[in-house]
Amino acid sequence: MKSARERMDIISAYRDVGSYRGAAAICATTPKTVRRVIERHEAGGVVPQRKPRSRNYESVAELVSGRVEKTKGRISAKRLLPEARAAGYSGSARNFRRLVATTKADWRRDHHRGRRPAVWSPGEHLVIDWGVIAGLHVFCAVLAWSRVRFVRFAVDERAETTLSMLAECFETIGGVPKVVLADRMGCLKAAVVADRVVPTADYVRFASHYRFRPDFCQGEDPESKGIVENLVGYAKRDLIIGCDLDTGEPGRPVDLAAANEAARRWCAEVNAATHSEIAAAPALRLAGHELAVLGGLPSLRPRITGPAVIRKVDRLSCVRFGSARYSVPTTAIGTRVEVRTHADRLTILSTAGPGAGMVLAEHRLVGPGEASVIDAHYGGPRPDRPVRAVRPKTADEKAFCALGPVAQAFLSGAAAAGSARLGTELGELLGLGQAHGEQALLDALARATAFRRWRAEDVRSILAAGAAAPRPRPAGEALVVDLPSVPTRSLADYALADYAITTDVEGDAS
């Protein structure tokens, strides 16, 4: 902006020359500046009002305002642009986005919800929520007044899991609050009538047992329980990584026992540290003030299970659950059993007889298509190789296998080596046994098996060799050889005849 002296110089120069351009040349400025200074001077020193410029979206401003009002500020400019085009708008999409953004900002300013900060009372509210990351579910709860935090991991968010986590939370805290606030979880919600949530019958029975009132947030209003939303976000972003729970291998499940142990250590650490919001340690605040006003725990925890799952034990001594197999003792084959799950564990109980309700087996949950097998259910560990017994059918096969394990071992080895003439040579081998004796044939078969000679001619050669055939011994065994006897002589027979020893002059012996 020009100073007062510069403006007076411009006015004086304009009066002298009478033109904008001439005055601008004298004052070293532009004709436009001279014109503005002269117009302001002639108007009495007041800046002339600028005429408002029309916008190309004014024709559709009412349409946009109505749609924003109807959708409560949620409609986007991209969705509204085709309607504006049909109504005659011909400007750019960028200019139209400005109109929608301005209209939505004006609507929000006039329709603000007017939130106020929460005022918590000791022993009043426990706020719970679920989060999930990479297939691992995390249950979070915050005791609102003292800010005590509770975190556990699970494999699902079913009603049984949620109620079990809630029961463990009460036991960890040491009491029961008056109200448990949750969002509209599908596992705890039976229906919604007139925007009021109807809890499930199991949740009502659970709340009656622990003597608290279940409460639910307003729909689409996560801010009403932001005190636990922050904890869920931290558990998903940092707690799982800090506890080293990510295996990094697809398909490899996380060890929930180790995960929950790490969560317990983390909760003990953060509850003992000073909380920035309340400037106190949550654990000390709970023990010093809030624990005295919490409701007492019942003497027994209720049984938290869904409908009974009954399975029949198949011929493999297994039951199927979740497209996976779980073993039970072989004595339960053909009976019906009850299957229960909790967290990452599966329990199988008997349902009939004097042992009804007895635990038959406990397994860790496995993925679909997998099998959890306990060797003790089958009487011992699984053999390294499958056992396939020899089952003779023809007369020659039955007579040959009747010779005993040595003959069966020879038969199995010959079959594995691909001896195509084995079936036709069994009769010949039986004939060799009749000619040389059964024991001689068994010895020959054992030798043929050791040297992997599977033909009948090889066995005949071994029988023909008889005792002259070499019998190798495994390494490390003593070699015992029968030596032939020979006549002996006395040592006198080996005495030398008498002879003279002469010595010459030079000392040489001859």
Protein backbone atom coordinates (compact mmCIF):
# COMPACT_ATOMS: atom_id res chain seq x y z
CA MET A 1 0.00 0.00 0.00
CA LYS A 2 1.25 3.47 -0.88
CA SER A 3 2.07 5.93 1.88
CA ALA A 4 0.17 9.21 2.28
CA ARG A 5 3.03 11.24 0.73
CA GLU A 6 3.24 8.90 -2.27
CA ARG A 7 -0.51 9.21 -2.78
CA MET A 8 -0.27 13.04 -2.69
CA ASP A 9 2.55 12.97 -5.24
CA ILE A 10 0.45 10.81 -7.56
CA ILE A 11 -2.58 13.13 -7.20
CA SER A 12 -0.40 16.21 -7.88
CA ALA A 13 1.20 14.63 -10.95
CA TYR A 14 -2.21 13.61 -12.30
CA ARG A 15 -3.48 17.18 -11.93
CA ASP A 16 -0.44 18.45 -13.82
CA VAL A 17 -0.53 16.09 -16.80
CA GLY A 18 -4.19 15.01 -16.75
CA SER A 19 -3.62 11.34 -17.65
CA TYR A 20 -3.02 8.12 -15.77
CA ARG A 21 -0.18 7.07 -17.97
CA GLY A 22 1.63 10.45 -17.70
CA ALA A 23 1.26 10.53 -13.91
CA ALA A 24 2.52 6.93 -13.70
CA ALA A 25 5.63 7.87 -15.72
CA ILE A 26 6.37 10.80 -13.42
CA CYS A 27 5.83 8.82 -10.18
CA ALA A 28 7.51 5.61 -11.40
CA THR A 29 4.42 3.45 -10.90
CA THR A 30 1.75 1.84 -13.04
CA PRO A 31 -1.31 3.46 -14.61
CA LYS A 32 -3.55 1.05 -12.72
CA THR A 33 -2.17 2.25 -9.39
CA VAL A 34 -2.68 5.86 -10.40
CA ARG A 35 -6.30 5.10 -11.35
CA ARG A 36 -7.01 3.43 -7.96
CA VAL A 37 -5.46 6.33 -6.02
CA ILE A 38 -7.46 8.94 -7.99
CA GLU A 39 -10.74 7.01 -7.64
CA ARG A 40 -10.27 6.67 -3.91
CA HIS A 41 -9.42 10.40 -3.61
CA GLU A 42 -12.50 11.41 -5.57
CA ALA A 43 -14.66 9.11 -3.40
CA GLY A 44 -13.57 10.97 -0.30
CA GLY A 45 -10.84 8.57 0.77
CA VAL A 46 -13.17 5.58 1.02
CA VAL A 47 -12.32 2.35 -0.82
CA PRO A 48 -15.08 1.74 -3.39
CA GLN A 49 -17.16 -1.34 -2.81
CA ARG A 50 -16.39 -4.21 -5.17
CA LYS A 51 -19.33 -5.70 -6.91
CA PRO A 52 -19.82 -9.36 -5.86
CA ARG A 53 -18.94 -11.78 -8.61
CA SER A 54 -21.40 -14.50 -9.48
CA ARG A 55 -20.40 -18.16 -9.12
CA ASN A 56 -21.11 -20.79 -11.72
CA TYR A 57 -22.55 -23.11 -9.06
CA GLU A 58 -25.15 -20.71 -7.68
CA SER A 59 -27.90 -22.41 -9.69
CA VAL A 60 -27.37 -25.71 -7.86
CA ALA A 61 -26.56 -24.34 -4.39
CA GLU A 62 -30.07 -25.07 -3.11
CA LEU A 63 -29.90 -28.63 -4.49
CA VAL A 64 -26.63 -29.25 -2.68
CA SER A 65 -27.92 -27.74 0.54
CA GLY A 66 -31.02 -29.93 0.48
CA ARG A 67 -29.04 -33.13 -0.16
CA VAL A 68 -26.54 -32.32 2.60
CA GLU A 69 -29.40 -31.67 5.01
CA LYS A 70 -31.14 -34.92 4.05
CA THR A 71 -28.01 -37.06 4.45
CA LYS A 72 -26.85 -35.23 7.61
CA GLY A 73 -23.63 -34.12 5.99
CA ARG A 74 -22.54 -37.58 4.81
CA ILE A 75 -23.00 -37.33 1.03
CA SER A 76 -19.85 -36.82 -1.04
CA ALA A 77 -19.28 -34.39 -3.89
CA LYS A 78 -18.50 -37.29 -6.22
CA ARG A 79 -21.92 -38.86 -5.60
CA LEU A 80 -23.72 -35.49 -5.88
CA LEU A 81 -22.01 -34.23 -9.06
CA PRO A 82 -24.17 -36.25 -11.56
CA GLU A 83 -27.34 -34.74 -10.04
CA ALA A 84 -25.84 -31.28 -10.30
CA ARG A 85 -24.90 -31.89 -13.94
CA ALA A 86 -28.48 -32.94 -14.66
CA ALA A 87 -29.71 -29.77 -12.94
CA GLY A 88 -27.64 -27.56 -15.25
CA TYR A 89 -24.25 -27.20 -13.57
CA SER A 90 -21.51 -26.87 -16.20
CA GLY A 91 -18.51 -25.93 -14.09
CA SER A 92 -15.51 -28.02 -13.06
CA ALA A 93 -15.58 -30.84 -10.54
CA ARG A 94 -13.01 -29.02 -8.44
CA ASN A 95 -15.20 -25.94 -8.10
CA PHE A 96 -18.18 -28.16 -7.23
CA ARG A 97 -16.18 -29.88 -4.48
CA ARG A 98 -15.57 -26.45 -2.94
CA LEU A 99 -19.32 -25.81 -2.87
CA VAL A 100 -20.08 -29.17 -1.23
CA ALA A 101 -17.28 -28.77 1.33
CA THR A 102 -18.49 -25.29 2.29
CA THR A 103 -22.11 -26.43 2.55
CA LYS A 104 -21.20 -29.44 4.72
CA ALA A 105 -19.05 -27.28 7.01
CA ASP A 106 -21.95 -24.83 7.46
CA TRP A 107 -24.32 -27.72 8.23
CA ARG A 108 -21.99 -29.26 10.81
CA ARG A 109 -21.49 -25.92 12.51
CA ASP A 110 -25.26 -25.54 12.98
CA HIS A 111 -25.86 -29.20 13.88
CA HIS A 112 -22.99 -29.98 16.22
CA ARG A 113 -23.80 -32.75 18.68
CA GLY A 114 -22.52 -30.73 21.59
CA ARG A 115 -20.45 -33.46 23.25
CA ARG A 116 -19.28 -33.03 26.79
CA PRO A 117 -16.47 -34.85 28.62
CA ALA A 118 -17.38 -38.00 30.51
CA VAL A 119 -17.62 -37.85 34.28
CA TRP A 120 -16.88 -41.28 35.74
CA SER A 121 -17.78 -42.47 39.22
CA PRO A 122 -15.87 -45.09 41.24
CA GLY A 123 -17.17 -48.61 40.69
CA GLU A 124 -19.65 -47.48 38.06
CA HIS A 125 -18.52 -48.44 34.53
CA LEU A 126 -16.39 -51.09 32.86
CA VAL A 127 -15.98 -50.46 29.12
CA ILE A 128 -15.17 -53.43 26.84
CA ASP A 129 -14.39 -53.89 23.16
CA TRP A 130 -12.84 -56.34 20.66
CA GLY A 131 -10.12 -55.77 18.09
CA VAL A 132 -8.57 -58.03 15.47
CA ILE A 133 -5.28 -57.98 13.55
CA ALA A 134 -3.93 -60.71 11.26
CA GLY A 135 -6.55 -63.19 12.49
CA LEU A 136 -5.65 -62.70 16.18
CA HIS A 137 -8.47 -61.26 18.32
CA VAL A 138 -7.76 -59.06 21.33
CA PHE A 139 -10.24 -58.38 24.15
CA CYS A 140 -9.79 -55.05 25.95
CA ALA A 141 -11.51 -53.68 29.04
CA VAL A 142 -10.98 -50.47 31.02
CA LEU A 143 -12.33 -49.72 34.50
CA ALA A 144 -13.35 -46.16 33.75
CA TRP A 145 -12.64 -44.30 36.99
CA SER A 146 -9.31 -45.85 37.97
CA ARG A 147 -8.20 -46.54 34.34
CA VAL A 148 -7.21 -50.14 35.16
CA ARG A 149 -6.64 -51.95 31.86
CA PHE A 150 -7.27 -55.60 31.01
CA VAL A 151 -6.06 -57.23 27.76
CA ARG A 152 -6.31 -60.86 26.60
CA PHE A 153 -5.98 -62.65 23.26
CA ALA A 154 -8.36 -65.20 21.68
CA VAL A 155 -9.00 -66.98 18.40
CA ASP A 156 -12.61 -65.78 17.95
CA GLU A 157 -15.22 -63.35 19.25
CA ARG A 158 -18.04 -65.76 20.02
CA ALA A 159 -20.39 -65.24 22.95
CA GLU A 160 -18.74 -67.97 25.04
CA THR A 161 -15.31 -66.41 24.51
CA THR A 162 -16.54 -62.91 25.33
CA LEU A 163 -18.29 -63.99 28.53
CA SER A 164 -15.24 -66.03 29.60
CA MET A 165 -13.01 -63.00 29.07
CA LEU A 166 -15.44 -60.83 31.03
CA ALA A 167 -15.49 -63.33 33.92
CA GLU A 168 -11.67 -63.43 33.97
CA CYS A 169 -11.62 -59.61 33.95
CA PHE A 170 -13.87 -59.47 37.04
CA GLU A 171 -11.66 -62.00 38.82
CA THR A 172 -8.49 -60.09 37.93
CA ILE A 173 -9.92 -56.77 39.10
CA GLY A 174 -11.32 -58.32 42.26
CA GLY A 175 -14.89 -57.07 41.94
CA VAL A 176 -17.84 -56.34 39.67
CA PRO A 177 -18.80 -52.81 38.48
CA LYS A 178 -22.39 -51.67 38.27
CA VAL A 179 -22.50 -51.25 34.48
CA VAL A 180 -20.65 -53.00 31.63
CA LEU A 181 -20.66 -50.76 28.55
CA ALA A 182 -20.08 -52.37 25.14
CA ASP A 183 -20.76 -51.55 21.53
CA ARG A 184 -23.41 -53.45 19.63
CA MET A 185 -21.51 -56.74 19.51
CA GLY A 186 -23.24 -59.42 17.49
CA CYS A 187 -22.35 -62.04 20.11
CA LEU A 188 -24.17 -60.14 22.87
CA LYS A 189 -27.01 -58.60 20.83
CA ALA A 190 -30.25 -60.50 20.22
CA ALA A 191 -32.16 -57.74 18.40
CA VAL A 192 -32.56 -53.97 18.02
CA VAL A 193 -36.04 -52.52 18.59
CA ALA A 194 -36.64 -48.78 18.17
CA ASP A 195 -32.85 -48.32 18.27
CA ARG A 196 -32.68 -50.07 21.65
CA VAL A 197 -30.49 -53.16 21.93
CA VAL A 198 -32.02 -56.36 23.30
CA PRO A 199 -29.26 -58.50 24.89
CA THR A 200 -29.15 -62.26 24.41
CA ALA A 201 -30.62 -64.56 27.04
CA ASP A 202 -27.16 -65.96 27.87
CA TYR A 203 -25.83 -62.44 28.45
CA VAL A 204 -28.81 -61.59 30.69
CA ARG A 205 -28.22 -64.74 32.77
CA PHE A 206 -24.52 -63.94 32.99
CA ALA A 207 -25.25 -60.36 34.11
CA SER A 208 -27.76 -61.61 36.69
CA HIS A 209 -25.19 -64.03 38.09
CA TYR A 210 -22.56 -61.30 38.52
CA ARG A 211 -25.15 -58.60 39.42
CA PHE A 212 -24.31 -55.89 36.87
CA ARG A 213 -26.38 -54.03 34.28
CA PRO A 214 -25.48 -54.56 30.60
CA ASP A 215 -25.43 -51.37 28.54
CA PHE A 216 -24.79 -50.71 24.86
CA CYS A 217 -23.47 -47.66 23.00
CA GLN A 218 -25.49 -45.64 20.53
CA GLY A 219 -25.31 -47.01 17.01
CA GLU A 220 -22.44 -45.71 14.87
CA ASP A 221 -21.05 -43.80 17.83
CA PRO A 222 -17.60 -45.20 18.75
CA GLU A 223 -16.66 -41.92 20.47
CA SER A 224 -18.98 -42.76 23.37
CA LYS A 225 -16.51 -45.47 24.46
CA GLY A 226 -13.29 -43.85 23.28
CA ILE A 227 -11.67 -44.72 26.61
CA VAL A 228 -11.34 -48.34 25.40
CA GLU A 229 -10.98 -47.55 21.69
CA ASN A 230 -7.54 -46.08 22.41
CA LEU A 231 -6.53 -49.26 24.24
CA VAL A 232 -7.69 -51.46 21.35
CA GLY A 233 -5.76 -49.33 18.88
CA TYR A 234 -2.60 -49.56 20.98
CA ALA A 235 -2.96 -53.33 21.35
CA LYS A 236 -3.28 -53.71 17.57
CA ARG A 237 -0.46 -51.31 16.71
CA ASP A 238 2.14 -51.92 19.37
CA LEU A 239 1.32 -54.55 22.00
CA ILE A 240 1.37 -57.51 19.60
CA ILE A 241 4.70 -56.38 18.15
CA GLY A 242 6.19 -55.54 21.56
CA CYS A 243 5.25 -58.95 22.96
CA ASP A 244 6.78 -60.67 19.88
CA LEU A 245 3.57 -62.54 19.12
CA ASP A 246 3.81 -62.33 15.32
CA THR A 247 5.27 -65.64 14.11
CA GLY A 248 5.94 -64.27 10.63
CA GLU A 249 5.04 -67.61 9.09
CA PRO A 250 1.72 -67.96 7.24
CA GLY A 251 -0.41 -70.75 8.64
CA ARG A 252 1.56 -71.04 11.88
CA PRO A 253 -0.80 -70.27 14.78
CA VAL A 254 0.14 -68.03 17.65
CA ASP A 255 0.64 -69.74 21.01
CA LEU A 256 -2.28 -68.23 22.95
CA ALA A 257 -0.89 -69.37 26.30
CA ALA A 258 2.34 -67.43 25.68
CA ALA A 259 0.39 -64.50 24.22
CA ASN A 260 -1.88 -64.19 27.25
CA GLU A 261 1.07 -64.53 29.63
CA ALA A 262 2.74 -61.62 27.82
CA ALA A 263 -0.54 -59.67 28.06
CA ARG A 264 -0.70 -60.27 31.84
CA ARG A 265 2.84 -58.96 32.26
CA TRP A 266 2.03 -55.91 30.16
CA CYS A 267 -1.15 -55.15 32.15
CA ALA A 268 0.74 -55.43 35.44
CA GLU A 269 3.37 -53.02 34.13
CA VAL A 270 1.03 -50.31 32.76
CA ASN A 271 -1.38 -50.50 35.70
CA ALA A 272 1.51 -49.83 38.07
CA ALA A 273 2.76 -46.83 36.05
CA THR A 274 1.40 -43.28 36.39
CA HIS A 275 -1.46 -42.58 33.99
CA SER A 276 -1.14 -39.23 32.21
CA GLU A 277 -4.88 -38.50 32.36
CA ILE A 278 -5.44 -39.07 36.09
CA ALA A 279 -1.86 -38.38 37.27
CA ALA A 280 -1.91 -41.53 39.39
CA ALA A 281 -1.15 -45.24 39.09
CA PRO A 282 -4.35 -47.16 38.17
CA ALA A 283 -3.45 -50.11 40.41
CA LEU A 284 -3.01 -47.84 43.46
CA ARG A 285 -6.19 -45.97 42.65
CA LEU A 286 -8.09 -49.24 42.40
CA ALA A 287 -6.72 -50.64 45.65
CA GLY A 288 -7.09 -47.40 47.57
CA HIS A 289 -10.56 -46.23 46.53
CA GLU A 290 -12.51 -48.11 43.87
CA LEU A 291 -12.13 -51.70 45.07
CA ALA A 292 -14.17 -50.91 48.19
CA VAL A 293 -17.22 -49.86 46.13
CA LEU A 294 -17.12 -52.68 43.57
CA GLY A 295 -19.63 -55.51 43.84
CA GLY A 296 -18.46 -58.80 45.28
CA LEU A 297 -17.62 -61.82 43.15
CA PRO A 298 -19.96 -64.82 43.26
CA SER A 299 -18.68 -67.98 44.93
CA LEU A 300 -18.80 -69.96 41.66
CA ARG A 301 -18.16 -69.03 38.06
CA PRO A 302 -21.12 -69.94 35.82
CA ARG A 303 -20.71 -72.55 33.13
CA ILE A 304 -20.14 -70.58 29.95
CA THR A 305 -20.75 -72.80 26.95
CA GLY A 306 -22.91 -72.77 23.87
CA PRO A 307 -25.23 -75.58 22.84
CA ALA A 308 -23.80 -79.03 23.55
CA VAL A 309 -21.80 -80.36 20.60
CA ILE A 310 -22.16 -84.14 20.33
CA ARG A 311 -19.93 -86.23 18.09
CA LYS A 312 -19.60 -89.98 17.42
CA VAL A 313 -16.14 -91.53 17.68
CA ASP A 314 -15.26 -93.08 14.30
CA ARG A 315 -13.24 -96.21 13.53
CA LEU A 316 -10.02 -94.18 13.60
CA SER A 317 -10.74 -93.39 17.28
CA CYS A 318 -11.22 -89.72 16.38
CA VAL A 319 -13.95 -87.09 16.41
CA ARG A 320 -14.32 -84.35 13.83
CA PHE A 321 -14.74 -80.72 14.89
CA GLY A 322 -14.20 -77.68 12.71
CA SER A 323 -13.11 -79.90 9.78
CA ALA A 324 -10.24 -81.29 11.91
CA ARG A 325 -9.70 -84.64 13.68
CA TYR A 326 -8.99 -85.13 17.38
CA SER A 327 -8.06 -88.51 18.87
CA VAL A 328 -9.68 -90.23 21.86
CA PRO A 329 -8.84 -93.57 23.55
CA THR A 330 -9.69 -96.57 21.38
CA THR A 331 -12.08 -97.85 24.05
CA ALA A 332 -14.47 -95.04 23.06
CA ILE A 333 -14.86 -96.14 19.42
CA GLY A 334 -18.52 -96.10 18.43
CA THR A 335 -19.69 -94.05 21.45
CA ARG A 336 -21.04 -90.50 21.51
CA VAL A 337 -19.01 -87.81 23.24
CA GLU A 338 -19.42 -84.11 24.01
CA VAL A 339 -16.97 -81.59 22.57
CA ARG A 340 -16.27 -78.30 24.39
CA THR A 341 -13.95 -75.47 23.39
CA HIS A 342 -12.43 -72.66 25.41
CA ALA A 343 -9.89 -70.22 24.00
CA ASP A 344 -7.46 -72.43 22.04
CA ARG A 345 -8.26 -75.69 23.88
CA LEU A 346 -10.71 -78.49 23.00
CA THR A 347 -12.03 -80.92 25.61
CA ILE A 348 -13.79 -84.23 24.86
CA LEU A 349 -16.07 -85.72 27.55
CA SER A 350 -17.97 -89.00 27.73
CA THR A 351 -21.78 -88.82 27.73
CA ALA A 352 -22.93 -92.35 28.62
CA GLY A 353 -22.26 -95.05 31.17
CA PRO A 354 -20.96 -94.73 34.71
CA GLY A 355 -18.16 -92.42 33.53
CA ALA A 356 -20.50 -89.79 32.04
CA GLY A 357 -18.91 -86.35 32.20
CA MET A 358 -15.37 -87.75 32.49
CA VAL A 359 -12.72 -86.03 30.40
CA LEU A 360 -11.50 -88.40 27.69
CA ALA A 361 -9.01 -86.13 25.94
CA GLU A 362 -7.76 -82.55 25.74
CA HIS A 363 -6.27 -81.05 22.60
CA ARG A 364 -5.10 -77.73 21.26
CA LEU A 365 -7.29 -76.47 18.42
CA VAL A 366 -5.82 -77.09 14.97
CA GLY A 367 -6.73 -75.80 11.54
CA PRO A 368 -9.17 -77.37 9.08
CA GLY A 369 -7.81 -80.52 7.46
CA GLU A 370 -5.27 -81.12 10.24
CA ALA A 371 -5.27 -83.81 12.95
CA SER A 372 -4.30 -83.72 16.63
CA VAL A 373 -3.26 -87.23 17.68
CA ILE A 374 -2.06 -88.36 21.11
CA ASP A 375 0.02 -91.57 20.91
CA ALA A 376 -1.16 -92.76 24.32
CA HIS A 377 -4.67 -93.17 22.90
CA TYR A 378 -3.34 -95.90 20.56
CA GLY A 379 -1.09 -97.72 23.00
CA GLY A 380 2.22 -96.34 21.82
CA PRO A 381 3.95 -94.10 19.28
CA ARG A 382 3.28 -94.35 15.58
CA PRO A 383 5.74 -96.71 13.78
CA ASP A 384 8.24 -95.15 11.44
CA ARG A 385 6.95 -97.28 8.57
CA PRO A 386 3.43 -98.54 7.96
CA VAL A 387 2.96 -102.18 8.94
CA ARG A 388 1.48 -104.23 6.11
CA ALA A 389 0.93 -107.84 7.12
CA VAL A 390 1.42 -110.75 4.68
CA ARG A 391 -1.96 -112.27 3.79
CA PRO A 392 -1.57 -115.50 1.73
CA LYS A 393 -4.45 -116.58 -0.49
CA THR A 394 -3.33 -119.45 -2.76
CA ALA A 395 -2.29 -122.90 -1.50
CA ASP A 396 1.41 -122.31 -2.32
CA GLU A 397 1.34 -118.90 -0.58
CA LYS A 398 -0.25 -120.38 2.54
CA ALA A 399 2.23 -123.30 2.64
CA PHE A 400 5.22 -120.98 2.15
CA CYS A 401 4.10 -118.44 4.77
CA ALA A 402 3.46 -121.30 7.21
CA LEU A 403 7.23 -121.82 7.35
CA GLY A 404 7.44 -118.84 9.70
CA PRO A 405 8.79 -115.27 9.92
CA VAL A 406 11.91 -116.12 7.90
CA ALA A 407 9.83 -117.13 4.90
CA GLN A 408 7.58 -114.09 5.27
CA ALA A 409 10.60 -111.78 5.40
CA PHE A 410 11.96 -113.41 2.22
CA LEU A 411 8.55 -112.92 0.58
CA SER A 412 8.33 -109.23 1.56
CA GLY A 413 11.89 -108.51 0.41
CA ALA A 414 11.39 -110.22 -2.93
CA ALA A 415 8.16 -108.27 -3.53
CA ALA A 416 9.86 -104.96 -2.66
CA ALA A 417 12.76 -105.79 -5.02
CA GLY A 418 10.33 -106.35 -7.90
CA SER A 419 10.83 -110.08 -8.39
CA ALA A 420 8.31 -110.75 -11.14
CA ARG A 421 8.64 -114.57 -10.98
CA LEU A 422 8.04 -114.78 -7.24
CA GLY A 423 4.55 -116.23 -7.53
CA THR A 424 5.57 -119.04 -9.87
CA GLU A 425 8.76 -119.89 -7.92
CA LEU A 426 7.04 -120.47 -4.57
CA GLY A 427 6.23 -124.06 -5.62
CA GLU A 428 9.86 -124.65 -6.53
CA LEU A 429 11.04 -123.31 -3.17
CA LEU A 430 8.61 -125.62 -1.38
CA GLY A 431 10.03 -128.54 -3.40
CA LEU A 432 13.56 -127.59 -2.23
CA GLY A 433 12.29 -127.75 1.34
CA GLN A 434 11.00 -131.28 0.82
CA ALA A 435 14.33 -132.34 -0.75
CA HIS A 436 16.72 -130.73 1.78
CA GLY A 437 14.54 -130.46 4.86
CA GLU A 438 12.58 -127.55 6.32
CA GLN A 439 15.39 -126.25 8.54
CA ALA A 440 17.92 -126.28 5.71
CA LEU A 441 15.45 -124.33 3.55
CA LEU A 442 14.87 -121.76 6.33
CA ASP A 443 18.62 -121.28 6.74
CA ALA A 444 19.00 -120.83 3.00
CA LEU A 445 16.12 -118.33 2.89
CA ALA A 446 17.66 -116.35 5.75
CA ARG A 447 20.99 -116.26 3.89
CA ALA A 448 19.29 -115.25 0.64
CA THR A 449 17.47 -112.44 2.46
CA ALA A 450 20.72 -111.18 3.99
CA PHE A 451 22.43 -111.09 0.57
CA ARG A 452 19.26 -109.91 -1.27
CA ARG A 453 19.10 -112.90 -3.60
CA TRP A 454 15.45 -113.45 -4.46
CA ARG A 455 15.34 -116.14 -7.12
CA ALA A 456 14.79 -119.89 -6.57
CA GLU A 457 18.09 -120.66 -8.34
CA ASP A 458 19.93 -118.57 -5.74
CA VAL A 459 18.32 -120.54 -2.92
CA ARG A 460 19.21 -123.82 -4.69
CA SER A 461 22.85 -122.69 -4.98
CA ILE A 462 22.96 -121.88 -1.28
CA LEU A 463 21.55 -125.31 -0.42
CA ALA A 464 24.05 -126.99 -2.74
CA ALA A 465 26.97 -125.16 -1.15
CA GLY A 466 25.90 -126.36 2.28
CA ALA A 467 28.49 -125.90 5.06
CA ALA A 468 31.15 -124.78 2.59
CA ALA A 469 29.33 -121.51 2.00
CA PRO A 470 30.95 -118.58 3.82
CA ARG A 471 28.97 -117.14 6.70
CA PRO A 472 29.87 -113.50 7.23
CA ARG A 473 29.43 -111.98 10.67
CA PRO A 474 28.42 -108.44 11.51
CA ALA A 475 31.20 -106.02 12.38
CA GLY A 476 32.28 -106.19 16.01
CA GLU A 477 31.46 -109.86 16.66
CA ALA A 478 34.17 -112.37 17.57
CA LEU A 479 35.29 -114.61 14.71
CA VAL A 480 35.22 -118.23 15.89
CA VAL A 481 36.92 -120.67 13.48
CA ASP A 482 37.19 -124.45 13.96
CA LEU A 483 40.79 -125.33 13.06
CA PRO A 484 41.68 -128.93 11.97
CA SER A 485 43.62 -131.11 14.40
CA VAL A 486 47.26 -132.04 13.50
CA PRO A 487 49.77 -134.49 15.09
CA THR A 488 52.17 -133.00 17.61
CA ARG A 489 55.93 -133.69 18.28
CA SER A 490 58.16 -133.03 21.24
CA LEU A 491 60.68 -130.22 21.28
CA ALA A 492 63.54 -132.75 21.14
CA ASP A 493 62.61 -133.49 17.57
CA TYR A 494 63.56 -129.94 16.74
CA ALA A 495 67.08 -130.07 18.37
CA LEU A 496 70.11 -129.23 16.12
CA ALA A 497 72.90 -131.79 15.46
CA ASP A 498 76.30 -131.33 17.19
CA TYR A 499 78.82 -129.32 15.20
CA ALA A 500 82.23 -127.79 15.92
CA ILE A 501 82.96 -124.12 15.95
CA THR A 502 86.51 -123.19 14.99
CA THR A 503 88.17 -119.87 15.18
CA ASP A 504 91.05 -118.87 12.95
CA VAL A 505 93.89 -116.58 13.85
CA GLU A 506 92.21 -113.48 12.56
CA GLY A 507 89.17 -114.14 14.80
CA ASP A 508 86.74 -115.16 12.04
CA ALA A 509 84.34 -117.90 12.98
CA SER A 510 83.81 -120.78 10.62
